PDB file of all heavy atoms in Angstrom:
ATOM      1  N   LEU A   1       6.130  -9.274 -16.700  1.00  0.00           N
ATOM      2  CA  LEU A   1       5.180  -8.184 -16.510  1.00  0.00           C
ATOM      3  C   LEU A   1       4.114  -8.583 -15.493  1.00  0.00           C
ATOM      4  O   LEU A   1       3.775  -7.799 -14.613  1.00  0.00           O
ATOM      5  CB  LEU A   1       4.525  -7.802 -17.835  1.00  0.00           C
ATOM      6  CG  LEU A   1       3.474  -6.712 -17.757  1.00  0.00           C
ATOM      7  CD1 LEU A   1       4.109  -5.391 -17.358  1.00  0.00           C
ATOM      8  CD2 LEU A   1       2.747  -6.567 -19.079  1.00  0.00           C
ATOM      9  N   LYS A   2       3.628  -9.798 -15.587  1.00  0.00           N
ATOM     10  CA  LYS A   2       2.614 -10.271 -14.632  1.00  0.00           C
ATOM     11  C   LYS A   2       3.173 -10.283 -13.214  1.00  0.00           C
ATOM     12  O   LYS A   2       2.508  -9.896 -12.265  1.00  0.00           O
ATOM     13  CB  LYS A   2       2.125 -11.666 -15.013  1.00  0.00           C
ATOM     14  CG  LYS A   2       1.175 -12.280 -14.045  1.00  0.00           C
ATOM     15  CD  LYS A   2      -0.084 -12.707 -14.706  1.00  0.00           C
ATOM     16  CE  LYS A   2      -1.037 -13.416 -13.778  1.00  0.00           C
ATOM     17  NZ  LYS A   2      -1.601 -12.598 -12.760  1.00  0.00           N
ATOM     18  N   GLN A   3       4.424 -10.739 -13.073  1.00  0.00           N
ATOM     19  CA  GLN A   3       5.055 -10.762 -11.755  1.00  0.00           C
ATOM     20  C   GLN A   3       5.188  -9.346 -11.203  1.00  0.00           C
ATOM     21  O   GLN A   3       4.917  -9.106 -10.023  1.00  0.00           O
ATOM     22  CB  GLN A   3       6.428 -11.432 -11.844  1.00  0.00           C
ATOM     23  CG  GLN A   3       7.148 -11.534 -10.526  1.00  0.00           C
ATOM     24  CD  GLN A   3       8.528 -12.160 -10.682  1.00  0.00           C
ATOM     25  OE1 GLN A   3       8.972 -12.459 -11.765  1.00  0.00           O
ATOM     26  NE2 GLN A   3       9.208 -12.350  -9.570  1.00  0.00           N
ATOM     27  N   TYR A   4       5.597  -8.394 -12.033  1.00  0.00           N
ATOM     28  CA  TYR A   4       5.715  -6.999 -11.605  1.00  0.00           C
ATOM     29  C   TYR A   4       4.355  -6.451 -11.181  1.00  0.00           C
ATOM     30  O   TYR A   4       4.237  -5.771 -10.161  1.00  0.00           O
ATOM     31  CB  TYR A   4       6.303  -6.150 -12.728  1.00  0.00           C
ATOM     32  CG  TYR A   4       6.281  -4.683 -12.404  1.00  0.00           C
ATOM     33  CD1 TYR A   4       7.194  -4.136 -11.511  1.00  0.00           C
ATOM     34  CD2 TYR A   4       5.331  -3.842 -12.969  1.00  0.00           C
ATOM     35  CE1 TYR A   4       7.162  -2.785 -11.185  1.00  0.00           C
ATOM     36  CE2 TYR A   4       5.278  -2.496 -12.655  1.00  0.00           C
ATOM     37  CZ  TYR A   4       6.192  -1.984 -11.769  1.00  0.00           C
ATOM     38  OH  TYR A   4       6.157  -0.660 -11.460  1.00  0.00           O
ATOM     39  N   GLN A   5       3.306  -6.742 -11.938  1.00  0.00           N
ATOM     40  CA  GLN A   5       1.973  -6.255 -11.591  1.00  0.00           C
ATOM     41  C   GLN A   5       1.503  -6.838 -10.255  1.00  0.00           C
ATOM     42  O   GLN A   5       0.898  -6.150  -9.458  1.00  0.00           O
ATOM     43  CB  GLN A   5       0.977  -6.621 -12.697  1.00  0.00           C
ATOM     44  CG  GLN A   5       1.155  -5.812 -13.955  1.00  0.00           C
ATOM     45  CD  GLN A   5       0.265  -6.308 -15.096  1.00  0.00           C
ATOM     46  OE1 GLN A   5      -0.089  -7.480 -15.149  1.00  0.00           O
ATOM     47  NE2 GLN A   5      -0.051  -5.403 -16.002  1.00  0.00           N
ATOM     48  N   ASP A   6       1.805  -8.126 -10.020  1.00  0.00           N
ATOM     49  CA  ASP A   6       1.435  -8.762  -8.752  1.00  0.00           C
ATOM     50  C   ASP A   6       2.147  -8.103  -7.584  1.00  0.00           C
ATOM     51  O   ASP A   6       1.545  -7.842  -6.547  1.00  0.00           O
ATOM     52  CB  ASP A   6       1.723 -10.261  -8.786  1.00  0.00           C
ATOM     53  CG  ASP A   6       0.824 -11.004  -9.758  1.00  0.00           C
ATOM     54  OD1 ASP A   6      -0.228 -10.447 -10.141  1.00  0.00           O
ATOM     55  OD2 ASP A   6       1.199 -12.136 -10.145  1.00  0.00           O
ATOM     56  N   GLU A   7       3.459  -7.839  -7.748  1.00  0.00           N
ATOM     57  CA  GLU A   7       4.230  -7.189  -6.680  1.00  0.00           C
ATOM     58  C   GLU A   7       3.715  -5.772  -6.423  1.00  0.00           C
ATOM     59  O   GLU A   7       3.596  -5.343  -5.284  1.00  0.00           O
ATOM     60  CB  GLU A   7       5.703  -7.148  -7.041  1.00  0.00           C
ATOM     61  CG  GLU A   7       6.389  -8.494  -7.023  1.00  0.00           C
ATOM     62  CD  GLU A   7       7.797  -8.442  -7.549  1.00  0.00           C
ATOM     63  OE1 GLU A   7       8.278  -7.345  -7.899  1.00  0.00           O
ATOM     64  OE2 GLU A   7       8.438  -9.516  -7.615  1.00  0.00           O
ATOM     65  N   ALA A   8       3.389  -5.043  -7.491  1.00  0.00           N
ATOM     66  CA  ALA A   8       2.898  -3.669  -7.343  1.00  0.00           C
ATOM     67  C   ALA A   8       1.545  -3.645  -6.647  1.00  0.00           C
ATOM     68  O   ALA A   8       1.303  -2.789  -5.776  1.00  0.00           O
ATOM     69  CB  ALA A   8       2.819  -2.987  -8.700  1.00  0.00           C
ATOM     70  N   SER A   9       0.665  -4.579  -6.987  1.00  0.00           N
ATOM     71  CA  SER A   9      -0.646  -4.603  -6.332  1.00  0.00           C
ATOM     72  C   SER A   9      -0.518  -5.023  -4.873  1.00  0.00           C
ATOM     73  O   SER A   9      -1.240  -4.536  -4.011  1.00  0.00           O
ATOM     74  CB  SER A   9      -1.602  -5.528  -7.068  1.00  0.00           C
ATOM     75  OG  SER A   9      -1.138  -6.859  -6.999  1.00  0.00           O
ATOM     76  N   ALA A  10       0.435  -5.929  -4.538  1.00  0.00           N
ATOM     77  CA  ALA A  10       0.646  -6.332  -3.160  1.00  0.00           C
ATOM     78  C   ALA A  10       1.193  -5.156  -2.336  1.00  0.00           C
ATOM     79  O   ALA A  10       0.759  -4.903  -1.204  1.00  0.00           O
ATOM     80  CB  ALA A  10       1.618  -7.500  -3.090  1.00  0.00           C
ATOM     81  N   THR A  11       2.110  -4.382  -2.912  1.00  0.00           N
ATOM     82  CA  THR A  11       2.679  -3.219  -2.220  1.00  0.00           C
ATOM     83  C   THR A  11       1.596  -2.160  -2.003  1.00  0.00           C
ATOM     84  O   THR A  11       1.505  -1.563  -0.949  1.00  0.00           O
ATOM     85  CB  THR A  11       3.837  -2.620  -3.046  1.00  0.00           C
ATOM     86  OG1 THR A  11       4.807  -3.642  -3.272  1.00  0.00           O
ATOM     87  CG2 THR A  11       4.462  -1.468  -2.319  1.00  0.00           C
ATOM     88  N   ALA A  12       0.754  -1.948  -3.023  1.00  0.00           N
ATOM     89  CA  ALA A  12      -0.310  -0.961  -2.902  1.00  0.00           C
ATOM     90  C   ALA A  12      -1.321  -1.347  -1.830  1.00  0.00           C
ATOM     91  O   ALA A  12      -1.799  -0.514  -1.063  1.00  0.00           O
ATOM     92  CB  ALA A  12      -0.996  -0.764  -4.226  1.00  0.00           C
ATOM     93  N   SER A  13      -1.637  -2.642  -1.728  1.00  0.00           N
ATOM     94  CA  SER A  13      -2.598  -3.083  -0.720  1.00  0.00           C
ATOM     95  C   SER A  13      -2.003  -2.973   0.689  1.00  0.00           C
ATOM     96  O   SER A  13      -2.706  -2.668   1.640  1.00  0.00           O
ATOM     97  CB  SER A  13      -3.068  -4.498  -0.998  1.00  0.00           C
ATOM     98  OG  SER A  13      -2.004  -5.402  -0.874  1.00  0.00           O
ATOM     99  N   GLU A  14      -0.691  -3.224   0.819  1.00  0.00           N
ATOM    100  CA  GLU A  14      -0.036  -3.075   2.126  1.00  0.00           C
ATOM    101  C   GLU A  14      -0.040  -1.612   2.560  1.00  0.00           C
ATOM    102  O   GLU A  14      -0.264  -1.298   3.705  1.00  0.00           O
ATOM    103  CB  GLU A  14       1.397  -3.598   2.061  1.00  0.00           C
ATOM    104  CG  GLU A  14       1.502  -5.097   1.996  1.00  0.00           C
ATOM    105  CD  GLU A  14       2.942  -5.553   1.806  1.00  0.00           C
ATOM    106  OE1 GLU A  14       3.854  -4.712   1.876  1.00  0.00           O
ATOM    107  OE2 GLU A  14       3.142  -6.767   1.567  1.00  0.00           O
ATOM    108  N   GLU A  15       0.243  -0.704   1.618  1.00  0.00           N
ATOM    109  CA  GLU A  15       0.263   0.718   1.942  1.00  0.00           C
ATOM    110  C   GLU A  15      -1.125   1.230   2.303  1.00  0.00           C
ATOM    111  O   GLU A  15      -1.287   2.077   3.167  1.00  0.00           O
ATOM    112  CB  GLU A  15       0.836   1.529   0.779  1.00  0.00           C
ATOM    113  CG  GLU A  15       2.309   1.330   0.560  1.00  0.00           C
ATOM    114  CD  GLU A  15       2.828   2.052  -0.656  1.00  0.00           C
ATOM    115  OE1 GLU A  15       2.009   2.682  -1.375  1.00  0.00           O
ATOM    116  OE2 GLU A  15       4.029   1.989  -0.913  1.00  0.00           O
ATOM    117  N   ALA A  16      -2.131   0.697   1.660  1.00  0.00           N
ATOM    118  CA  ALA A  16      -3.501   1.131   1.929  1.00  0.00           C
ATOM    119  C   ALA A  16      -3.981   0.619   3.287  1.00  0.00           C
ATOM    120  O   ALA A  16      -4.746   1.301   3.981  1.00  0.00           O
ATOM    121  CB  ALA A  16      -4.441   0.620   0.845  1.00  0.00           C
ATOM    122  N   SER A  17      -3.518  -0.572   3.705  1.00  0.00           N
ATOM    123  CA  SER A  17      -3.975  -1.123   4.981  1.00  0.00           C
ATOM    124  C   SER A  17      -3.198  -0.563   6.167  1.00  0.00           C
ATOM    125  O   SER A  17      -3.718  -0.520   7.277  1.00  0.00           O
ATOM    126  CB  SER A  17      -3.859  -2.645   4.947  1.00  0.00           C
ATOM    127  OG  SER A  17      -2.504  -3.031   4.843  1.00  0.00           O
ATOM    128  N   ALA A  18      -1.962  -0.131   5.945  1.00  0.00           N
ATOM    129  CA  ALA A  18      -1.164   0.399   7.041  1.00  0.00           C
ATOM    130  C   ALA A  18      -1.591   1.835   7.342  1.00  0.00           C
ATOM    131  O   ALA A  18      -1.723   2.664   6.449  1.00  0.00           O
ATOM    132  CB  ALA A  18       0.319   0.372   6.681  1.00  0.00           C
ATOM    133  N   PRO A  19      -1.796   2.178   8.626  1.00  0.00           N
ATOM    134  CA  PRO A  19      -2.171   3.546   8.955  1.00  0.00           C
ATOM    135  C   PRO A  19      -0.995   4.483   8.745  1.00  0.00           C
ATOM    136  O   PRO A  19       0.149   4.161   9.065  1.00  0.00           O
ATOM    137  CB  PRO A  19      -2.560   3.482  10.438  1.00  0.00           C
ATOM    138  CG  PRO A  19      -1.846   2.284  10.961  1.00  0.00           C
ATOM    139  CD  PRO A  19      -1.715   1.346   9.811  1.00  0.00           C
ATOM    140  N   ALA A  20      -1.268   5.638   8.177  1.00  0.00           N
ATOM    141  CA  ALA A  20      -0.226   6.626   7.929  1.00  0.00           C
ATOM    142  C   ALA A  20       0.084   7.341   9.234  1.00  0.00           C
ATOM    143  O   ALA A  20      -0.800   7.873   9.894  1.00  0.00           O
ATOM    144  CB  ALA A  20      -0.672   7.609   6.867  1.00  0.00           C
ATOM    145  N   SER A  21       1.351   7.345   9.626  1.00  0.00           N
ATOM    146  CA  SER A  21       1.730   7.991  10.881  1.00  0.00           C
ATOM    147  C   SER A  21       1.677   9.497  10.714  1.00  0.00           C
ATOM    148  O   SER A  21       2.152  10.060   9.736  1.00  0.00           O
ATOM    149  CB  SER A  21       3.127   7.541  11.298  1.00  0.00           C
ATOM    150  OG  SER A  21       4.049   7.915  10.296  1.00  0.00           O
ATOM    151  N   GLY A  22       1.074  10.169  11.680  1.00  0.00           N
ATOM    152  CA  GLY A  22       0.993  11.625  11.644  1.00  0.00           C
ATOM    153  C   GLY A  22      -0.039  12.156  10.694  1.00  0.00           C
ATOM    154  O   GLY A  22      -0.059  13.338  10.405  1.00  0.00           O
ATOM    155  N   GLN A  23      -0.904  11.319  10.180  1.00  0.00           N
ATOM    156  CA  GLN A  23      -1.892  11.771   9.203  1.00  0.00           C
ATOM    157  C   GLN A  23      -3.320  11.538   9.685  1.00  0.00           C
ATOM    158  O   GLN A  23      -4.224  11.439   8.877  1.00  0.00           O
ATOM    159  CB  GLN A  23      -1.684  11.040   7.871  1.00  0.00           C
ATOM    160  CG  GLN A  23      -0.393  11.407   7.178  1.00  0.00           C
ATOM    161  CD  GLN A  23      -0.317  12.882   6.846  1.00  0.00           C
ATOM    162  OE1 GLN A  23      -1.291  13.459   6.377  1.00  0.00           O
ATOM    163  NE2 GLN A  23       0.818  13.496   7.063  1.00  0.00           N
ATOM    164  N   THR A  24      -3.530  11.451  10.982  1.00  0.00           N
ATOM    165  CA  THR A  24      -4.884  11.344  11.478  1.00  0.00           C
ATOM    166  C   THR A  24      -5.551  12.714  11.385  1.00  0.00           C
ATOM    167  O   THR A  24      -4.857  13.739  11.335  1.00  0.00           O
ATOM    168  CB  THR A  24      -4.901  10.845  12.943  1.00  0.00           C
ATOM    169  OG1 THR A  24      -4.237  11.838  13.752  1.00  0.00           O
ATOM    170  CG2 THR A  24      -4.204   9.509  13.076  1.00  0.00           C
ATOM    171  N   PRO A  25      -6.857  12.777  11.374  1.00  0.00           N
ATOM    172  CA  PRO A  25      -7.520  14.073  11.308  1.00  0.00           C
ATOM    173  C   PRO A  25      -7.132  14.999  12.466  1.00  0.00           C
ATOM    174  O   PRO A  25      -7.011  16.215  12.301  1.00  0.00           O
ATOM    175  CB  PRO A  25      -9.004  13.711  11.371  1.00  0.00           C
ATOM    176  CG  PRO A  25      -9.071  12.328  10.787  1.00  0.00           C
ATOM    177  CD  PRO A  25      -7.808  11.680  11.225  1.00  0.00           C
ATOM    178  N   ALA A  26      -6.889  14.435  13.661  1.00  0.00           N
ATOM    179  CA  ALA A  26      -6.488  15.264  14.785  1.00  0.00           C
ATOM    180  C   ALA A  26      -5.108  15.882  14.536  1.00  0.00           C
ATOM    181  O   ALA A  26      -4.890  17.074  14.856  1.00  0.00           O
ATOM    182  CB  ALA A  26      -6.469  14.428  16.069  1.00  0.00           C
TER     183      ALA A  26
END
């Protein structure tokens, strides 16, 4: 469970830091 939580938090932080393509305000 701890390993799964670590992987999920790493994936969430990567998604948050990567800019979403096509989702800029413009």
